[in-house]
Structure formats: C-alpha cells, structure tokens
C-alpha atoms as a PDB file:
ATOM      1  CA  MET A   1     135.794  78.486 168.919  1.00  0.00           C
ATOM      2  CA  GLU A   2     133.983  75.222 168.237  1.00  0.00           C
ATOM      3  CA  CYS A   3     135.749  72.015 167.355  1.00  0.00           C
ATOM      4  CA  THR A   4     134.514  72.061 163.755  1.00  0.00           C
ATOM      5  CA  ASN A   5     137.764  73.282 162.181  1.00  0.00           C
ATOM      6  CA  ARG A   6     140.127  71.083 164.204  1.00  0.00           C
ATOM      7  CA  THR A   7     140.610  67.417 164.817  1.00  0.00           C
ATOM      8  CA  LYS A   8     138.827  65.896 167.782  1.00  0.00           C
ATOM      9  CA  GLU A   9     142.205  64.957 169.233  1.00  0.00           C
ATOM     10  CA  LYS A  10     143.231  68.632 169.330  1.00  0.00           C
ATOM     11  CA  CYS A  11     139.917  69.574 170.905  1.00  0.00           C
ATOM     12  CA  PHE A  12     140.255  66.924 173.595  1.00  0.00           C
ATOM     13  CA  GLN A  13     143.855  68.026 174.166  1.00  0.00           C
ATOM     14  CA  GLU A  14     142.694  71.634 174.618  1.00  0.00           C
ATOM     15  CA  LEU A  15     140.120  70.491 177.179  1.00  0.00           C
ATOM     16  CA  GLU A  16     142.675  68.347 179.004  1.00  0.00           C
ATOM     17  CA  ASP A  17     145.144  71.247 179.081  1.00  0.00           C
ATOM     18  CA  PHE A  18     142.416  73.461 180.547  1.00  0.00           C
ATOM     19  CA  ILE A  19     141.552  70.901 183.234  1.00  0.00           C
ATOM     20  CA  ASN A  20     145.233  70.489 184.091  1.00  0.00           C
ATOM     21  CA  SER A  21     145.688  74.264 184.326  1.00  0.00           C
ATOM     22  CA  LEU A  22     143.156  74.573 187.129  1.00  0.00           C
ATOM     23  CA  GLU A  23     144.719  75.247 190.503  1.00  0.00           C
ATOM     24  CA  THR A  24     142.347  72.692 191.965  1.00  0.00           C
ATOM     25  CA  GLN A  25     139.701  70.618 190.246  1.00  0.00           C
ATOM     26  CA  LYS A  26     137.486  70.465 193.315  1.00  0.00           C
ATOM     27  CA  GLY A  27     134.307  72.457 192.679  1.00  0.00           C
ATOM     28  CA  GLU A  28     135.271  73.273 189.081  1.00  0.00           C
ATOM     29  CA  LEU A  29     132.920  70.942 187.196  1.00  0.00           C
ATOM     30  CA  ILE A  30     130.677  73.747 185.900  1.00  0.00           C
ATOM     31  CA  THR A  31     133.727  75.742 184.774  1.00  0.00           C
ATOM     32  CA  VAL A  32     135.073  72.693 182.930  1.00  0.00           C
ATOM     33  CA  LEU A  33     131.695  71.982 181.317  1.00  0.00           C
ATOM     34  CA  HIS A  34     131.473  75.591 180.106  1.00  0.00           C
ATOM     35  CA  LYS A  35     134.942  75.275 178.568  1.00  0.00           C
ATOM     36  CA  ALA A  36     134.062  71.899 177.023  1.00  0.00           C
ATOM     37  CA  GLN A  37     130.910  73.336 175.465  1.00  0.00           C
ATOM     38  CA  ASP A  38     132.909  76.318 174.160  1.00  0.00           C
ATOM     39  CA  ILE A  39     135.341  73.895 172.525  1.00  0.00           C
ATOM     40  CA  PHE A  40     132.922  71.288 171.167  1.00  0.00           C
ATOM     41  CA  GLY A  41     129.753  73.359 170.768  1.00  0.00           C
ATOM     42  CA  TYR A  42     127.774  70.889 172.869  1.00  0.00           C
ATOM     43  CA  LEU A  43     128.365  68.099 175.404  1.00  0.00           C
ATOM     44  CA  PRO A  44     127.969  64.672 173.788  1.00  0.00           C
ATOM     45  CA  VAL A  45     128.495  61.490 175.831  1.00  0.00           C
ATOM     46  CA  GLU A  46     132.097  61.141 174.666  1.00  0.00           C
ATOM     47  CA  VAL A  47     132.951  64.587 176.071  1.00  0.00           C
ATOM     48  CA  GLN A  48     131.110  63.795 179.313  1.00  0.00           C
ATOM     49  CA  SER A  49     133.063  60.529 179.600  1.00  0.00           C
ATOM     50  CA  PHE A  50     136.327  62.395 179.003  1.00  0.00           C
ATOM     51  CA  VAL A  51     135.497  64.831 181.818  1.00  0.00           C
ATOM     52  CA  GLU A  52     134.541  61.871 184.017  1.00  0.00           C
ATOM     53  CA  GLU A  53     137.928  60.262 183.423  1.00  0.00           C
ATOM     54  CA  LYS A  54     140.030  63.419 183.784  1.00  0.00           C
ATOM     55  CA  MET A  55     138.242  64.804 186.855  1.00  0.00           C
ATOM     56  CA  ASN A  56     137.313  61.491 188.507  1.00  0.00           C
ATOM     57  CA  ILE A  57     133.664  62.540 188.793  1.00  0.00           C
ATOM     58  CA  PRO A  58     130.872  59.998 188.194  1.00  0.00           C
ATOM     59  CA  LEU A  59     129.159  60.338 184.810  1.00  0.00           C
ATOM     60  CA  SER A  60     125.797  60.456 186.586  1.00  0.00           C
ATOM     61  CA  GLU A  61     126.893  63.597 188.468  1.00  0.00           C
ATOM     62  CA  ILE A  62     128.152  65.219 185.265  1.00  0.00           C
ATOM     63  CA  TYR A  63     124.916  64.391 183.449  1.00  0.00           C
ATOM     64  CA  GLY A  64     122.908  65.730 186.400  1.00  0.00           C
ATOM     65  CA  VAL A  65     124.682  69.092 186.185  1.00  0.00           C
ATOM     66  CA  ILE A  66     124.296  69.262 182.399  1.00  0.00           C
ATOM     67  CA  THR A  67     120.575  68.550 182.518  1.00  0.00           C
ATOM     68  CA  PHE A  68     119.927  70.843 185.495  1.00  0.00           C
ATOM     69  CA  TYR A  69     121.368  73.997 183.918  1.00  0.00           C
ATOM     70  CA  SER A  70     119.574  75.120 180.754  1.00  0.00           C
ATOM     71  CA  PHE A  71     122.763  76.673 179.355  1.00  0.00           C
ATOM     72  CA  PHE A  72     124.286  73.244 178.705  1.00  0.00           C
ATOM     73  CA  THR A  73     123.217  71.129 175.753  1.00  0.00           C
ATOM     74  CA  THR A  74     123.812  67.528 174.731  1.00  0.00           C
ATOM     75  CA  THR A  75     122.765  68.100 171.135  1.00  0.00           C
ATOM     76  CA  PRO A  76     124.491  70.202 168.475  1.00  0.00           C
ATOM     77  CA  LYS A  77     123.122  73.688 168.048  1.00  0.00           C
ATOM     78  CA  GLY A  78     122.797  75.704 164.887  1.00  0.00           C
ATOM     79  CA  GLU A  79     125.357  78.230 163.753  1.00  0.00           C
ATOM     80  CA  HIS A  80     122.999  80.850 165.203  1.00  0.00           C
ATOM     81  CA  PRO A  81     121.291  79.484 168.338  1.00  0.00           C
ATOM     82  CA  ILE A  82     118.042  81.300 169.083  1.00  0.00           C
ATOM     83  CA  SER A  83     116.506  81.408 172.546  1.00  0.00           C
ATOM     84  CA  VAL A  84     113.163  82.917 173.448  1.00  0.00           C
ATOM     85  CA  CYS A  85     112.760  84.002 177.062  1.00  0.00           C
ATOM     86  CA  MET A  86     109.617  82.546 178.613  1.00  0.00           C
ATOM     87  CA  GLY A  87     110.056  84.111 182.036  1.00  0.00           C
ATOM     88  CA  THR A  88     107.015  85.813 183.523  1.00  0.00           C
ATOM     89  CA  ALA A  89     107.680  89.310 182.148  1.00  0.00           C
ATOM     90  CA  CYS A  90     108.420  88.023 178.662  1.00  0.00           C
ATOM     91  CA  TYR A  91     105.521  85.584 178.668  1.00  0.00           C
ATOM     92  CA  VAL A  92     102.920  88.168 179.662  1.00  0.00           C
ATOM     93  CA  ASN A  93     104.330  90.561 177.050  1.00  0.00           C
ATOM     94  CA  GLY A  94     103.856  88.152 174.160  1.00  0.00           C
ATOM     95  CA  ALA A  95     106.841  85.778 174.067  1.00  0.00           C
ATOM     96  CA  GLU A  96     104.561  82.922 172.992  1.00  0.00           C
ATOM     97  CA  ASN A  97     103.634  84.860 169.845  1.00  0.00           C
ATOM     98  CA  ILE A  98     107.322  85.473 169.094  1.00  0.00           C
ATOM     99  CA  LEU A  99     108.059  81.778 169.540  1.00  0.00           C
ATOM    100  CA  THR A 100     105.161  80.821 167.252  1.00  0.00           C
ATOM    101  CA  GLU A 101     106.466  83.163 164.549  1.00  0.00           C
ATOM    102  CA  LEU A 102     110.046  81.842 164.866  1.00  0.00           C
ATOM    103  CA  LYS A 103     108.786  78.258 164.532  1.00  0.00           C
ATOM    104  CA  ARG A 104     106.783  79.235 161.450  1.00  0.00           C
ATOM    105  CA  GLU A 105     109.638  81.142 159.788  1.00  0.00           C
ATOM    106  CA  LEU A 106     112.270  78.481 160.542  1.00  0.00           C
ATOM    107  CA  GLY A 107     110.061  75.433 159.999  1.00  0.00           C
ATOM    108  CA  ILE A 108     111.293  73.787 163.205  1.00  0.00           C
ATOM    109  CA  ARG A 109     110.060  73.116 166.728  1.00  0.00           C
ATOM    110  CA  VAL A 110     111.702  74.011 170.030  1.00  0.00           C
ATOM    111  CA  GLY A 111     114.821  71.888 170.523  1.00  0.00           C
ATOM    112  CA  GLU A 112     115.395  71.414 166.792  1.00  0.00           C
ATOM    113  CA  THR A 113     117.950  72.732 164.320  1.00  0.00           C
ATOM    114  CA  THR A 114     117.177  73.788 160.751  1.00  0.00           C
ATOM    115  CA  GLY A 115     118.193  71.331 158.041  1.00  0.00           C
ATOM    116  CA  ASP A 116     120.990  73.608 156.861  1.00  0.00           C
ATOM    117  CA  GLY A 117     122.409  73.823 160.404  1.00  0.00           C
ATOM    118  CA  LYS A 118     122.037  77.593 160.422  1.00  0.00           C
ATOM    119  CA  PHE A 119     119.538  78.024 163.293  1.00  0.00           C
ATOM    120  CA  SER A 120     118.452  76.142 166.393  1.00  0.00           C
ATOM    121  CA  LEU A 121     115.513  77.138 168.568  1.00  0.00           C
ATOM    122  CA  ASP A 122     115.161  76.901 172.337  1.00  0.00           C
ATOM    123  CA  VAL A 123     113.351  78.581 175.193  1.00  0.00           C
ATOM    124  CA  LEU A 124     114.818  79.906 178.435  1.00  0.00           C
ATOM    125  CA  ARG A 125     113.245  80.588 181.802  1.00  0.00           C
ATOM    126  CA  CYS A 126     114.755  84.047 182.230  1.00  0.00           C
ATOM    127  CA  VAL A 127     117.371  86.131 180.438  1.00  0.00           C
ATOM    128  CA  GLY A 128     117.438  88.740 183.200  1.00  0.00           C
ATOM    129  CA  ALA A 129     116.353  91.592 180.950  1.00  0.00           C
ATOM    130  CA  CYS A 130     112.751  91.861 182.114  1.00  0.00           C
ATOM    131  CA  GLY A 131     112.551  95.575 181.335  1.00  0.00           C
ATOM    132  CA  MET A 132     113.051  94.706 177.652  1.00  0.00           C
ATOM    133  CA  ALA A 133     110.382  91.973 177.529  1.00  0.00           C
ATOM    134  CA  PRO A 134     109.791  90.040 175.393  1.00  0.00           C
ATOM    135  CA  VAL A 135     113.411  89.098 174.774  1.00  0.00           C
ATOM    136  CA  VAL A 136     115.023  86.904 172.120  1.00  0.00           C
ATOM    137  CA  THR A 137     118.721  86.062 171.987  1.00  0.00           C
ATOM    138  CA  ILE A 138     120.567  84.950 168.891  1.00  0.00           C
ATOM    139  CA  GLY A 139     124.021  83.838 169.877  1.00  0.00           C
ATOM    140  CA  LYS A 140     125.157  86.530 172.289  1.00  0.00           C
ATOM    141  CA  LYS A 141     123.031  89.301 170.788  1.00  0.00           C
ATOM    142  CA  VAL A 142     119.932  90.321 172.737  1.00  0.00           C
ATOM    143  CA  TYR A 143     116.790  91.644 171.053  1.00  0.00           C
ATOM    144  CA  GLY A 144     114.315  93.410 173.320  1.00  0.00           C
ATOM    145  CA  ARG A 145     110.676  94.385 172.987  1.00  0.00           C
ATOM    146  CA  VAL A 146     110.394  92.061 169.998  1.00  0.00           C
ATOM    147  CA  GLU A 147     107.144  92.062 168.033  1.00  0.00           C
ATOM    148  CA  PRO A 148     106.057  89.088 165.891  1.00  0.00           C
ATOM    149  CA  ASP A 149     106.229  91.161 162.700  1.00  0.00           C
ATOM    150  CA  GLU A 150     109.929  91.883 163.399  1.00  0.00           C
ATOM    151  CA  VAL A 151     110.982  88.223 163.417  1.00  0.00           C
ATOM    152  CA  LYS A 152     111.485  87.937 159.642  1.00  0.00           C
ATOM    153  CA  ASN A 153     113.797  90.987 159.554  1.00  0.00           C
ATOM    154  CA  ILE A 154     115.758  89.808 162.584  1.00  0.00           C
ATOM    155  CA  LEU A 155     116.384  86.452 160.898  1.00  0.00           C
ATOM    156  CA  LYS A 156     117.484  88.221 157.678  1.00  0.00           C
ATOM    157  CA  GLU A 157     120.446  89.651 159.624  1.00  0.00           C
ATOM    158  CA  TYR A 158     121.832  86.090 159.774  1.00  0.00           C
ATOM    159  CA  GLN A 159     121.134  84.914 156.196  1.00  0.00           C
END
C-alpha cells in the first residue's frame, strides 16, 4: 500500500515500526529499502535520510544500494508501472519493437510517467522468464511472447 492515502507522518511511523521490529538491523538495508518503497512507492531523498538516521548508515551507502539495484526507484512511478525485459533472450526475440510500440502508445520515453500518472515505462536487464521472451511486466503481472500488435490491447486492460 503506497503512502498516497495516508499522512506522511503515518507512513514514516510505519517504516520506523518496521525498522524497530527487526531482530537486528545489521545487513537489513535492502529489506528496509524494499519496505520503504512498498510504503512510499519510491525512495525520495527524505525517505533515504530517514533510513540513514534510523539505521545509522551513511546516505552515500544507501544511495549506492538504491542506484545499484534496478528494482529501486528515486522517482514516482505510475499507477501501473511497465517494464520491458531487455535481457538477451528478450532482446533477440523483439523486445526493442515492443518497447518502441509502448513508447508510441503511451507518448513517453523510458524513465517517464504519463501525464495522468497512470503508466510509467522502464526497462529491466532480466525478468528470469527467458522461455517466454519477449517479456513485459505491468505491476506484478507478466506478459510473455508479446508481439507489437498486442501492446494496444494489453494497455486497454488498465484503462
């Protein structure tokens, strides 16, 4: 549940409660960042600073983890985040064409969110579903063997 329907104070309290519930904080930064992103929807500087303060971990280390792992984001995502796998199997099976069609249909580039906040578009290195290449994910739903002419109908499911 993202922080959109609650006050920021309640969201920060939920994150603090989670951090405090950990048996030990040592080695739990990624777990905390996952929880923070679940709560807030993304990891803005104020959330990173909060984690820094509560876990006594330098902001530079937190930022390094966030930017290393493609799952984490520092910008808000759309209601329906779309990711196109660009791993080898997906790429050679036409993922670039799928991405081109998504950009055309949505009117945005990779890393952007539609003006209405409904969709955001990103690429991933590998979804781990190579046998279904090319793969697109929308939220937690996985679409396999996607063809460019299917993109419009897939997007209609979320209108």
